[in-house]
């Protein structure tokens, strides 16, 4: 088991993104087998897809309607810090993706209560109060990756110091136990290899 003194890996997530949820669950597995601690940050499907409605109707829908959960997560992070965000994200993403409960106000309030946070934070979903902080968090994660990124973004610690910002990993199936550790080792190797930019293969039709 790792402790909070292990290497810090940052992951940028939106509760609505199933790929982010897969990567987050993988990192929870990694914490069990490597000296790693995942720190969660907010990025936004809505921000990522702004201006894409004419190209992709689904992206346009998310750009218009995807603000709420990310706003609430941002409010939790601003008011209570990174550990509160971690707890809330895990509760909310499990409701959305595992229990297929949607992301309505009742689901958000239940997730806040489950994370030990004030359910009144659900009101942030309909407010622009935290949008500046949300955009700042989004760009802190995405900008170091560069163009062509998506969700999730992972900032991986490098052996010599510093971090490498990566899009992904994009996981259709979450590796557990030793397999999670092996993937982590591979990600570290890729991130620390100068000039290595991309590894990709086609997704099966059954991917989330």
Protein backbone atom coordinates (compact mmCIF):
# COMPACT_ATOMS: atom_id res chain seq x y z
CA UNK A 1 0.00 0.00 0.00
CA UNK A 2 1.18 3.50 -0.75
CA UNK A 3 0.92 6.48 1.57
CA UNK A 4 0.40 10.15 0.94
CA UNK A 5 4.19 10.56 0.93
CA UNK A 6 4.43 8.69 -2.39
CA UNK A 7 4.86 10.27 -5.81
CA UNK A 8 2.06 12.65 -6.71
CA UNK A 9 0.30 12.13 -10.03
CA UNK A 10 -2.26 14.69 -11.13
CA UNK A 11 -5.35 13.65 -13.05
CA UNK A 12 -7.75 16.16 -14.64
CA UNK A 13 -11.30 14.86 -14.86
CA UNK A 14 -14.88 15.80 -15.64
CA UNK A 15 -17.47 13.67 -13.80
CA UNK A 16 -19.42 13.23 -17.04
CA UNK A 17 -16.54 11.56 -18.92
CA UNK A 18 -16.50 7.76 -18.84
CA UNK A 19 -12.88 7.67 -20.06
CA UNK A 20 -11.85 9.83 -17.10
CA UNK A 21 -13.70 7.49 -14.76
CA UNK A 22 -11.80 4.49 -16.15
CA UNK A 23 -8.46 6.27 -15.75
CA UNK A 24 -9.36 7.38 -12.22
CA UNK A 25 -10.24 3.82 -11.17
CA UNK A 26 -6.98 2.62 -12.68
CA UNK A 27 -5.03 5.14 -10.59
CA UNK A 28 -6.83 3.97 -7.46
CA UNK A 29 -5.55 0.49 -8.31
CA UNK A 30 -2.05 1.88 -8.91
CA UNK A 31 -2.10 3.41 -5.43
CA UNK A 32 -2.41 -0.11 -4.03
CA UNK A 33 0.69 -1.48 -5.77
CA UNK A 34 3.01 1.50 -6.32
CA UNK A 35 4.15 4.43 -4.11
CA UNK A 36 1.78 6.78 -5.87
CA UNK A 37 -0.95 9.17 -4.73
CA UNK A 38 -3.45 10.58 -7.23
CA UNK A 39 -4.46 14.21 -6.89
CA UNK A 40 -7.69 15.08 -8.68
CA UNK A 41 -8.27 18.32 -10.59
CA UNK A 42 -11.23 19.59 -12.58
CA UNK A 43 -11.35 19.95 -16.32
CA UNK A 44 -14.50 20.50 -18.31
CA UNK A 45 -16.15 18.77 -21.24
CA UNK A 46 -18.09 22.00 -21.76
CA UNK A 47 -14.93 24.08 -22.06
CA UNK A 48 -13.19 21.45 -24.18
CA UNK A 49 -16.03 21.41 -26.73
CA UNK A 50 -16.88 25.10 -26.85
CA UNK A 51 -17.51 26.22 -30.41
CA UNK A 52 -17.89 22.67 -31.80
CA UNK A 53 -21.68 22.50 -32.11
CA UNK A 54 -21.54 22.90 -35.90
CA UNK A 55 -19.03 20.06 -36.21
CA UNK A 56 -20.36 17.52 -33.72
CA UNK A 57 -23.93 17.68 -32.30
CA UNK A 58 -22.95 15.61 -29.24
CA UNK A 59 -20.05 17.97 -28.52
CA UNK A 60 -22.43 20.89 -28.89
CA UNK A 61 -24.85 19.32 -26.40
CA UNK A 62 -22.07 18.78 -23.86
CA UNK A 63 -20.75 22.30 -24.39
CA UNK A 64 -24.20 23.66 -23.56
CA UNK A 65 -25.35 21.29 -20.82
CA UNK A 66 -22.16 19.85 -19.32
CA UNK A 67 -21.26 22.66 -16.92
CA UNK A 68 -23.12 21.62 -13.78
CA UNK A 69 -21.13 18.73 -12.24
CA UNK A 70 -17.77 20.34 -13.07
CA UNK A 71 -18.92 23.59 -11.45
CA UNK A 72 -19.92 21.73 -8.29
CA UNK A 73 -16.58 19.92 -8.18
CA UNK A 74 -14.79 23.23 -8.62
CA UNK A 75 -16.80 24.76 -5.79
CA UNK A 76 -15.84 21.85 -3.52
CA UNK A 77 -12.17 22.21 -4.42
CA UNK A 78 -12.23 25.97 -3.85
CA UNK A 79 -14.01 25.73 -0.50
CA UNK A 80 -12.58 22.55 0.98
CA UNK A 81 -9.45 21.56 -0.96
CA UNK A 82 -8.12 18.69 -3.01
CA UNK A 83 -9.14 15.84 -0.72
CA UNK A 84 -12.75 17.02 -0.73
CA UNK A 85 -12.67 17.16 -4.52
CA UNK A 86 -11.27 13.64 -4.67
CA UNK A 87 -14.05 12.30 -2.43
CA UNK A 88 -16.77 14.15 -4.31
CA UNK A 89 -15.51 13.14 -7.74
CA UNK A 90 -15.41 9.46 -6.78
CA UNK A 91 -18.94 9.60 -5.37
CA UNK A 92 -20.37 11.53 -8.30
CA UNK A 93 -18.65 9.61 -11.08
CA UNK A 94 -19.71 6.29 -9.54
CA UNK A 95 -23.33 7.48 -9.53
CA UNK A 96 -23.17 8.68 -13.12
CA UNK A 97 -21.26 5.81 -14.70
CA UNK A 98 -21.68 2.75 -12.46
CA UNK A 99 -25.22 3.31 -11.21
CA UNK A 100 -26.42 5.16 -14.34
CA UNK A 101 -28.21 7.67 -12.13
CA UNK A 102 -27.77 10.70 -14.40
CA UNK A 103 -26.42 14.01 -13.21
CA UNK A 104 -29.48 15.82 -11.95
CA UNK A 105 -29.64 17.95 -8.82
CA UNK A 106 -30.70 15.03 -6.64
CA UNK A 107 -27.77 12.91 -7.76
CA UNK A 108 -25.34 15.77 -7.15
CA UNK A 109 -26.75 16.44 -3.68
CA UNK A 110 -26.52 12.76 -2.77
CA UNK A 111 -22.90 12.65 -3.94
CA UNK A 112 -22.08 15.70 -1.85
CA UNK A 113 -23.65 14.10 1.19
CA UNK A 114 -21.80 10.85 0.50
CA UNK A 115 -18.53 12.77 0.39
CA UNK A 116 -19.32 14.47 3.70
CA UNK A 117 -19.84 17.89 2.09
CA UNK A 118 -22.64 20.42 2.38
CA UNK A 119 -25.34 19.52 -0.17
CA UNK A 120 -25.98 23.24 -0.70
CA UNK A 121 -22.90 23.19 -2.96
CA UNK A 122 -25.19 21.62 -5.57
CA UNK A 123 -26.47 25.14 -6.21
CA UNK A 124 -23.13 25.91 -7.88
CA UNK A 125 -24.26 23.86 -10.88
CA UNK A 126 -26.48 26.73 -12.02
CA UNK A 127 -24.08 29.55 -11.11
CA UNK A 128 -21.20 31.17 -12.98
CA UNK A 129 -19.48 32.00 -9.67
CA UNK A 130 -16.81 29.34 -10.11
CA UNK A 131 -16.42 29.44 -13.89
CA UNK A 132 -13.19 31.44 -13.79
CA UNK A 133 -11.63 28.95 -11.38
CA UNK A 134 -12.99 26.07 -13.48
CA UNK A 135 -11.41 27.44 -16.64
CA UNK A 136 -8.13 28.06 -14.83
CA UNK A 137 -8.04 24.47 -13.58
CA UNK A 138 -8.96 23.16 -17.03
CA UNK A 139 -6.16 25.06 -18.73
CA UNK A 140 -3.62 24.15 -16.04
CA UNK A 141 -4.20 20.54 -17.01
CA UNK A 142 -4.67 20.83 -20.76
CA UNK A 143 -2.29 23.56 -21.89
CA UNK A 144 0.93 21.63 -21.10
CA UNK A 145 -0.30 18.75 -23.30
CA UNK A 146 -0.87 20.90 -26.37
CA UNK A 147 -3.36 20.55 -29.21
CA UNK A 148 -5.48 17.50 -29.88
CA UNK A 149 -6.04 16.53 -26.26
CA UNK A 150 -9.16 15.22 -24.57
CA UNK A 151 -10.27 13.92 -21.18
CA UNK A 152 -8.58 12.73 -19.03
CA UNK A 153 -5.25 14.48 -18.75
CA UNK A 154 -2.57 13.02 -16.50
CA UNK A 155 0.52 14.82 -15.19
CA UNK A 156 3.09 12.10 -14.51
CA UNK A 157 6.09 12.66 -12.20
CA UNK A 158 9.45 12.14 -13.90
CA UNK A 159 12.38 10.41 -12.16
CA UNK A 160 14.66 13.40 -12.60
CA UNK A 161 12.09 15.88 -11.36
CA UNK A 162 9.25 17.75 -13.02
CA UNK A 163 6.25 16.25 -14.75
CA UNK A 164 5.11 15.15 -18.19
CA UNK A 165 1.55 16.06 -19.21
CA UNK A 166 -0.28 13.40 -21.22
CA UNK A 167 -3.72 12.86 -22.70
CA UNK A 168 -5.00 9.59 -21.29
CA UNK A 169 -4.63 6.78 -20.67
CA UNK A 170 -7.82 5.93 -22.55
CA UNK A 171 -8.99 2.66 -21.04
CA UNK A 172 -11.93 0.56 -22.18
CA UNK A 173 -11.18 -1.90 -19.37
CA UNK A 174 -9.62 -1.01 -16.02
CA UNK A 175 -6.55 -3.08 -15.15
CA UNK A 176 -6.35 -4.16 -11.52
CA UNK A 177 -3.65 -5.39 -9.17
CA UNK A 178 -0.33 -6.21 -10.79
CA UNK A 179 -1.66 -5.33 -14.24
CA UNK A 180 -2.43 -1.80 -13.06
CA UNK A 181 1.13 -1.49 -11.80
CA UNK A 182 2.59 -2.71 -15.08
CA UNK A 183 0.60 -0.13 -17.02
CA UNK A 184 1.79 2.57 -14.64
CA UNK A 185 5.39 1.50 -15.23
CA UNK A 186 4.82 1.66 -18.98
CA UNK A 187 3.30 5.14 -18.74
CA UNK A 188 6.30 6.31 -16.70
CA UNK A 189 8.65 4.86 -19.29
CA UNK A 190 6.85 6.58 -22.16
CA UNK A 191 6.59 9.88 -20.30
CA UNK A 192 10.28 9.84 -19.49
CA UNK A 193 11.43 8.95 -23.02
CA UNK A 194 12.54 12.03 -24.91
CA UNK A 195 10.86 12.29 -28.31
CA UNK A 196 8.12 9.71 -27.58
CA UNK A 197 4.82 11.44 -28.31
CA UNK A 198 2.07 8.97 -29.12
CA UNK A 199 1.02 5.33 -29.02
CA UNK A 200 -2.45 4.54 -30.34
CA UNK A 201 -4.65 1.72 -31.62
CA UNK A 202 -8.26 1.44 -32.74
CA UNK A 203 -10.98 1.22 -30.09
CA UNK A 204 -13.32 -1.80 -30.14
CA UNK A 205 -16.92 -1.01 -30.94
CA UNK A 206 -17.94 -2.03 -27.40
CA UNK A 207 -15.77 0.62 -25.71
CA UNK A 208 -17.60 3.03 -23.37
